[in-house]
Each structure stands twice: as structure tokens, then as C-alpha cells.
Amino acid sequence: MASLENVQKRLASHVETIQSTDFLEQSLKLLRQLPFKNIRCIALGSPTQEFQALYQLALLKLLAKEFDIPPANISLYDPIFTDDDVHLLTTFEKYVVDENEQTSPHYTSETLYYMPHAPRSVTDRFLANVKPKWILGNDVRVTAGSLSQAKFLEEYPRLAKLVHIAEVRNTDAEEASTDVSTDSMASPRTPGLQQSEFKVVTRRKRNRPKKHVYVEPKLDYDLVDVYFDTITVTRIDSPDSAPWNDSFSDLALNVINPIEPNRNE
């Protein structure tokens, strides 16, 4: 029991460390726009044994306090929880520790899913079975890691499709911004010269041997078996020099918009 008391003290210290930081303010500002009534934490890790997990639990406590979420509305699931973890979370924090990852659709529609550093396999399965709207967790755009696009789509199809949608949306926004910038920076014509007086000089093409370049196969990102069609991803900056180190690296709010029922009818 003494060791759990020490964990509690470290947890209280971590809460104090995160308070009054730009990182926390960014997080709260984003979350204030969401009408959630529950927080469900998935894949936290062991807060009694892991540095990152204890800091991530500290952020959970701060979110619960800010948004007035009662302990009975805060649930956690992670198959690696130890007996000490469960005791800390249920006895000291009064949270609910579940043995089941899934929840009812009604619960899902009112729930913020807090999934810091959740593995790809967990996120992909979660998209298939739970269908969350709001995930505070890894920026989905970085979840492919070193996998090729084809391998990513093969192994984690729903997550890969979500990432594809996010990247297309980001590309469209960048192209729109570039078009506006290009129009505003168009060079004026030189006084006294007509358009026909300009001559374009092109370089002669040299016969160079073609290099063999790997080209990704054309992939099918159809949305037949998924519940979403758009996503908005907003990163939350966590300084490299922060005392919590990489506990919140790649953290983002992922707002997943479900496909409207009977949209195409």
C-alpha cells in the first residue's frame, strides 16, 4: 500500500506540473467545442509502473475536473492493467475499470475517447467495432509509420482509409492556399512590352537512361465498410523540453464525422 501512496504523490505532482501550461490550454480550448458527457480511456498502460502512463493519467484528471465529468462517467480499459493499477484507478480515483473494450452506441455518441499512444491494431479495431466520433490520441496522419501505403491498407484497412481522408483534406487545403498565394504574387507585365513579345526558351532534352523508380500500386480506398467520410485533425503542441518528455508526442484531437444516413438516396 505504501508504494501506491507514493504513486499517488507522483500523480499529484504531475497534475501540478501540467496545470497552467500552454499545452493544457491548447487541449482545453479544442475540447470545449465538444458536447461529451463521458471520457473513456483506452490503452493507457500501467500508471503504477510507467512514466508516460502516469503523466497521461494526470491529464485525464485535469480534463475531468475542467469539464466536470464525475468519476462514474470515466472508464478505462487496458488488458495490461495490474492489480495495483486497478486498485489505484478504482479505489483512489473512483473510476470504472472495464473488462470489455466495446461500449453501446448511445454511450459512444456522448463520449470523448482518450487514447494516448494507442497501437495501430487497437485503433483499427476500435474504428471497426466502436465507431468513435472524438479521439484525443495519436495524430492519425502519423500512424502508418514505416509501413508502405499498400501494407498499411492491408493490415489496418479502416485506419488507413481514415488517414487517406485526412491527407486528401490536408492536400486540398494546401492547394487552395497555394492558389490564393500565387494569384496575389503574380508578376506585373513589363511596361512597353506586349504579351506576344515574350519568347520562351526551352532546354534541349538529353537522352539519359531511365532510372527504375518504385511506384506504389494504385490503392482502393473505398468507404463501403466504414462509418466515416471526413475527419478534422488538430495537433496539440507538446514541447520537447517538457518534464513529461514524450508522454504526449503526436497528440491531436481527431474529430471523425460519420456518413449521413440515406445520404445518397
Protein backbone atom coordinates (compact mmCIF):
# COMPACT_ATOMS: atom_id res chain seq x y z
CA MET A 1 0.00 0.00 0.00
CA ALA A 2 2.91 2.34 0.69
CA SER A 3 4.02 2.06 -2.92
CA LEU A 4 0.56 3.11 -4.12
CA GLU A 5 0.69 6.10 -1.82
CA ASN A 6 3.97 7.08 -3.48
CA VAL A 7 2.33 6.70 -6.88
CA GLN A 8 -0.48 8.98 -5.71
CA LYS A 9 2.03 11.60 -4.64
CA ARG A 10 3.77 11.45 -8.02
CA LEU A 11 0.41 11.68 -9.75
CA ALA A 12 -0.49 14.80 -7.76
CA SER A 13 2.89 16.29 -8.67
CA HIS A 14 2.30 15.54 -12.37
CA VAL A 15 -1.12 17.21 -12.22
CA GLU A 16 0.51 20.32 -10.76
CA THR A 17 3.21 20.24 -13.45
CA ILE A 18 0.70 20.18 -16.31
CA GLN A 19 -1.54 22.88 -14.83
CA SER A 20 -1.13 26.42 -16.16
CA THR A 21 0.80 25.25 -19.25
CA ASP A 22 0.16 26.22 -22.86
CA PHE A 23 -0.14 22.51 -23.60
CA LEU A 24 -3.12 22.15 -21.26
CA GLU A 25 -4.73 25.37 -22.50
CA GLN A 26 -4.49 24.16 -26.11
CA SER A 27 -6.15 20.90 -25.12
CA LEU A 28 -8.96 22.57 -23.21
CA LYS A 29 -9.63 25.09 -25.96
CA LEU A 30 -10.13 22.32 -28.51
CA LEU A 31 -12.27 20.17 -26.25
CA ARG A 32 -14.62 22.96 -25.17
CA GLN A 33 -16.37 22.73 -28.53
CA LEU A 34 -17.38 19.09 -27.95
CA PRO A 35 -20.56 18.14 -26.03
CA PHE A 36 -19.18 15.00 -24.39
CA LYS A 37 -20.53 13.62 -21.12
CA ASN A 38 -18.16 10.70 -20.65
CA ILE A 39 -14.44 10.05 -21.01
CA ARG A 40 -13.23 6.58 -21.91
CA CYS A 41 -9.52 5.87 -21.78
CA ILE A 42 -8.13 3.06 -23.91
CA ALA A 43 -4.59 1.64 -23.89
CA LEU A 44 -3.28 3.86 -21.10
CA GLY A 45 -0.59 1.45 -20.00
CA SER A 46 0.36 0.81 -16.38
CA PRO A 47 0.27 4.06 -14.34
CA THR A 48 1.93 2.39 -11.36
CA GLN A 49 4.88 1.20 -13.45
CA GLU A 50 5.23 3.50 -16.46
CA PHE A 51 6.38 7.13 -16.53
CA GLN A 52 4.27 8.03 -19.56
CA ALA A 53 1.09 6.39 -18.32
CA LEU A 54 1.17 8.28 -15.02
CA TYR A 55 1.52 11.63 -16.81
CA GLN A 56 -1.29 10.64 -19.18
CA LEU A 57 -3.45 9.81 -16.17
CA ALA A 58 -2.64 13.25 -14.76
CA LEU A 59 -4.02 14.86 -17.92
CA LEU A 60 -7.15 12.71 -17.62
CA LYS A 61 -7.70 14.04 -14.09
CA LEU A 62 -7.35 17.63 -15.30
CA LEU A 63 -9.82 17.08 -18.15
CA ALA A 64 -12.33 15.51 -15.78
CA LYS A 65 -12.02 18.47 -13.42
CA GLU A 66 -12.29 21.12 -16.15
CA PHE A 67 -15.36 19.58 -17.79
CA ASP A 68 -16.99 18.45 -14.56
CA ILE A 69 -17.08 14.78 -15.53
CA PRO A 70 -17.96 12.66 -12.48
CA PRO A 71 -15.77 9.62 -11.74
CA ALA A 72 -18.66 7.27 -12.57
CA ASN A 73 -18.57 8.64 -16.14
CA ILE A 74 -14.87 7.93 -16.56
CA SER A 75 -13.96 4.41 -17.62
CA LEU A 76 -10.71 2.75 -18.61
CA TYR A 77 -9.77 -0.40 -20.46
CA ASP A 78 -6.35 -1.93 -20.92
CA PRO A 79 -5.67 -5.66 -20.66
CA ILE A 80 -2.23 -4.98 -19.21
CA PHE A 81 -3.56 -3.30 -16.04
CA THR A 82 -2.06 -4.87 -12.93
CA ASP A 83 -3.89 -5.35 -9.64
CA ASP A 84 -2.15 -2.23 -8.34
CA ASP A 85 -3.30 -0.27 -11.39
CA VAL A 86 -6.90 -1.34 -10.87
CA HIS A 87 -6.69 -0.50 -7.16
CA LEU A 88 -5.28 2.95 -7.92
CA LEU A 89 -7.91 3.72 -10.55
CA THR A 90 -10.97 2.33 -8.77
CA THR A 91 -10.25 2.83 -5.07
CA PHE A 92 -8.30 6.09 -5.10
CA GLU A 93 -9.64 7.77 -8.24
CA LYS A 94 -13.11 6.12 -8.17
CA TYR A 95 -13.00 5.47 -11.92
CA VAL A 96 -14.55 2.47 -13.66
CA VAL A 97 -12.17 -0.19 -14.99
CA ASP A 98 -13.86 -2.40 -17.58
CA GLU A 99 -13.04 -5.87 -18.82
CA ASN A 100 -14.63 -5.14 -22.19
CA GLU A 101 -13.30 -2.75 -24.83
CA GLN A 102 -16.64 -2.10 -26.54
CA THR A 103 -19.50 0.15 -25.44
CA SER A 104 -23.08 0.82 -26.54
CA PRO A 105 -23.77 3.17 -29.50
CA HIS A 106 -25.59 5.64 -27.23
CA TYR A 107 -22.60 5.81 -24.91
CA THR A 108 -20.25 6.25 -27.86
CA SER A 109 -22.16 9.26 -29.21
CA GLU A 110 -21.55 11.20 -25.98
CA THR A 111 -18.02 10.06 -25.24
CA LEU A 112 -14.54 11.51 -25.67
CA TYR A 113 -12.13 8.64 -26.29
CA TYR A 114 -8.75 9.32 -24.73
CA MET A 115 -6.24 7.02 -26.42
CA PRO A 116 -2.69 8.36 -25.95
CA HIS A 117 -0.15 6.25 -27.86
CA ALA A 118 -2.70 3.53 -28.65
CA PRO A 119 -1.22 0.89 -31.01
CA ARG A 120 -2.37 0.84 -34.63
CA SER A 121 -4.06 -2.52 -34.14
CA VAL A 122 -6.14 -1.16 -31.27
CA THR A 123 -7.18 1.95 -33.18
CA ASP A 124 -8.11 -0.01 -36.30
CA ARG A 125 -10.20 -2.48 -34.29
CA PHE A 126 -11.77 0.43 -32.43
CA LEU A 127 -12.82 2.09 -35.68
CA ALA A 128 -14.46 -1.18 -36.74
CA ASN A 129 -16.29 -2.04 -33.53
CA VAL A 130 -16.85 1.15 -31.52
CA LYS A 131 -17.10 3.85 -34.22
CA PRO A 132 -15.94 6.82 -32.12
CA LYS A 133 -16.57 10.44 -33.08
CA TRP A 134 -13.89 12.09 -30.96
CA ILE A 135 -10.44 10.67 -30.27
CA LEU A 136 -7.88 12.52 -28.20
CA GLY A 137 -4.85 10.45 -29.12
CA ASN A 138 -2.24 9.98 -31.80
CA ASP A 139 -2.49 12.24 -34.82
CA VAL A 140 -3.87 9.62 -37.21
CA ARG A 141 -1.75 11.02 -40.05
CA VAL A 142 1.45 9.66 -38.48
CA THR A 143 0.17 6.20 -37.61
CA ALA A 144 1.45 4.49 -40.77
CA GLY A 145 4.99 4.86 -39.51
CA SER A 146 7.43 2.98 -41.73
CA LEU A 147 4.75 0.86 -43.42
CA SER A 148 4.19 1.29 -47.14
CA GLN A 149 0.76 2.56 -48.11
CA ALA A 150 -0.16 -0.84 -49.53
CA LYS A 151 0.92 -2.71 -46.39
CA PHE A 152 -0.81 -0.17 -44.16
CA LEU A 153 -4.08 -0.61 -46.06
CA GLU A 154 -3.75 -4.40 -46.00
CA GLU A 155 -3.06 -4.71 -42.27
CA TYR A 156 -5.11 -1.80 -40.89
CA PRO A 157 -7.77 -1.06 -43.54
CA ARG A 158 -10.04 1.26 -41.57
CA LEU A 159 -7.23 3.29 -40.06
CA ALA A 160 -5.53 3.55 -43.45
CA LYS A 161 -8.74 4.84 -45.04
CA LEU A 162 -9.15 7.40 -42.26
CA VAL A 163 -5.56 8.56 -42.78
CA HIS A 164 -6.14 8.78 -46.54
CA ILE A 165 -9.18 11.00 -46.00
CA ALA A 166 -7.19 13.22 -43.61
CA GLU A 167 -4.31 13.56 -46.08
CA VAL A 168 -6.62 14.36 -49.01
CA ARG A 169 -8.33 17.04 -46.94
CA ASN A 170 -4.94 18.49 -45.94
CA THR A 171 -3.71 18.44 -49.57
CA ASP A 172 -6.87 20.19 -50.79
CA ALA A 173 -6.42 22.90 -48.16
CA GLU A 174 -2.76 23.40 -49.10
CA GLU A 175 -3.59 23.63 -52.82
CA ALA A 176 -6.32 26.19 -52.15
CA SER A 177 -3.86 28.23 -50.08
CA THR A 178 -1.22 27.98 -52.82
CA ASP A 179 -3.69 29.14 -55.49
CA VAL A 180 -4.57 32.23 -53.47
CA SER A 181 -0.90 32.95 -52.78
CA THR A 182 0.06 32.53 -56.45
CA ASP A 183 -2.69 34.87 -57.63
CA SER A 184 -1.66 37.56 -55.18
CA MET A 185 2.03 37.30 -56.15
CA ALA A 186 1.54 37.35 -59.94
CA SER A 187 4.26 39.48 -61.56
CA PRO A 188 3.09 42.63 -63.37
CA ARG A 189 3.93 42.93 -67.06
CA THR A 190 6.95 44.96 -68.04
CA PRO A 191 5.83 48.40 -69.29
CA GLY A 192 6.07 48.80 -73.08
CA LEU A 193 6.09 45.09 -73.87
CA GLN A 194 3.15 43.19 -75.32
CA GLN A 195 2.43 39.60 -74.36
CA SER A 196 3.43 38.43 -77.87
CA GLU A 197 6.92 39.93 -77.47
CA PHE A 198 7.91 37.41 -74.82
CA LYS A 199 9.75 34.32 -76.05
CA VAL A 200 10.07 31.14 -74.04
CA VAL A 201 13.41 29.40 -74.34
CA THR A 202 13.40 25.70 -73.56
CA ARG A 203 16.33 23.42 -72.91
CA ARG A 204 17.07 20.60 -75.28
CA LYS A 205 16.27 17.22 -73.85
CA ARG A 206 19.20 14.89 -73.42
CA ASN A 207 18.90 11.21 -73.95
CA ARG A 208 19.53 9.94 -70.47
CA PRO A 209 19.00 6.37 -69.29
CA LYS A 210 15.75 6.00 -67.36
CA LYS A 211 16.03 5.18 -63.70
CA HIS A 212 13.94 2.40 -62.23
CA VAL A 213 11.75 4.06 -59.62
CA TYR A 214 9.37 2.14 -57.38
CA VAL A 215 5.79 3.28 -57.86
CA GLU A 216 3.16 2.44 -55.25
CA PRO A 217 0.31 0.38 -56.73
CA LYS A 218 -3.00 2.16 -57.13
CA LEU A 219 -4.91 1.51 -53.93
CA ASP A 220 -8.64 1.24 -53.39
CA TYR A 221 -9.75 3.46 -50.52
CA ASP A 222 -13.47 2.77 -50.93
CA LEU A 223 -15.64 3.70 -47.94
CA VAL A 224 -18.11 0.83 -48.25
CA ASP A 225 -17.17 -0.83 -44.97
CA VAL A 226 -16.52 2.26 -42.82
CA TYR A 227 -18.79 4.67 -40.96
CA PHE A 228 -16.92 7.91 -41.69
CA ASP A 229 -16.32 10.16 -44.68
CA THR A 230 -14.45 13.18 -43.28
CA ILE A 231 -12.08 13.92 -40.42
CA THR A 232 -10.56 17.04 -38.90
CA VAL A 233 -7.20 16.64 -37.17
CA THR A 234 -5.78 19.34 -34.88
CA ARG A 235 -2.35 18.82 -33.35
CA ILE A 236 -1.61 19.81 -29.75
CA ASP A 237 1.95 21.04 -29.36
CA SER A 238 3.99 19.44 -26.61
CA PRO A 239 7.48 20.96 -26.14
CA ASP A 240 10.42 18.57 -26.41
CA SER A 241 11.84 20.11 -23.24
CA ALA A 242 8.67 19.48 -21.19
CA PRO A 243 9.12 17.49 -17.96
CA TRP A 244 6.69 14.83 -19.25
CA ASN A 245 9.13 14.09 -22.12
CA ASP A 246 7.32 12.20 -24.91
CA SER A 247 4.19 11.28 -22.93
CA PHE A 248 2.09 13.42 -25.29
CA SER A 249 4.09 13.23 -28.51
CA ASP A 250 1.89 13.33 -31.65
CA LEU A 251 -1.16 14.15 -29.52
CA ALA A 252 -4.09 15.51 -31.51
CA LEU A 253 -7.84 15.87 -31.43
CA ASN A 254 -9.27 13.72 -34.21
CA VAL A 255 -12.88 14.66 -34.96
CA ILE A 256 -14.39 11.91 -37.11
CA ASN A 257 -17.57 12.77 -38.99
CA PRO A 258 -19.93 9.84 -39.64
CA ILE A 259 -21.50 9.28 -43.03
CA GLU A 260 -25.00 10.74 -43.05
CA PRO A 261 -27.67 8.00 -43.20
CA ASN A 262 -29.54 7.76 -46.51
CA ARG A 263 -27.31 10.50 -47.90
CA ASN A 264 -27.33 9.10 -51.40
CA GLU A 265 -30.98 8.12 -51.57
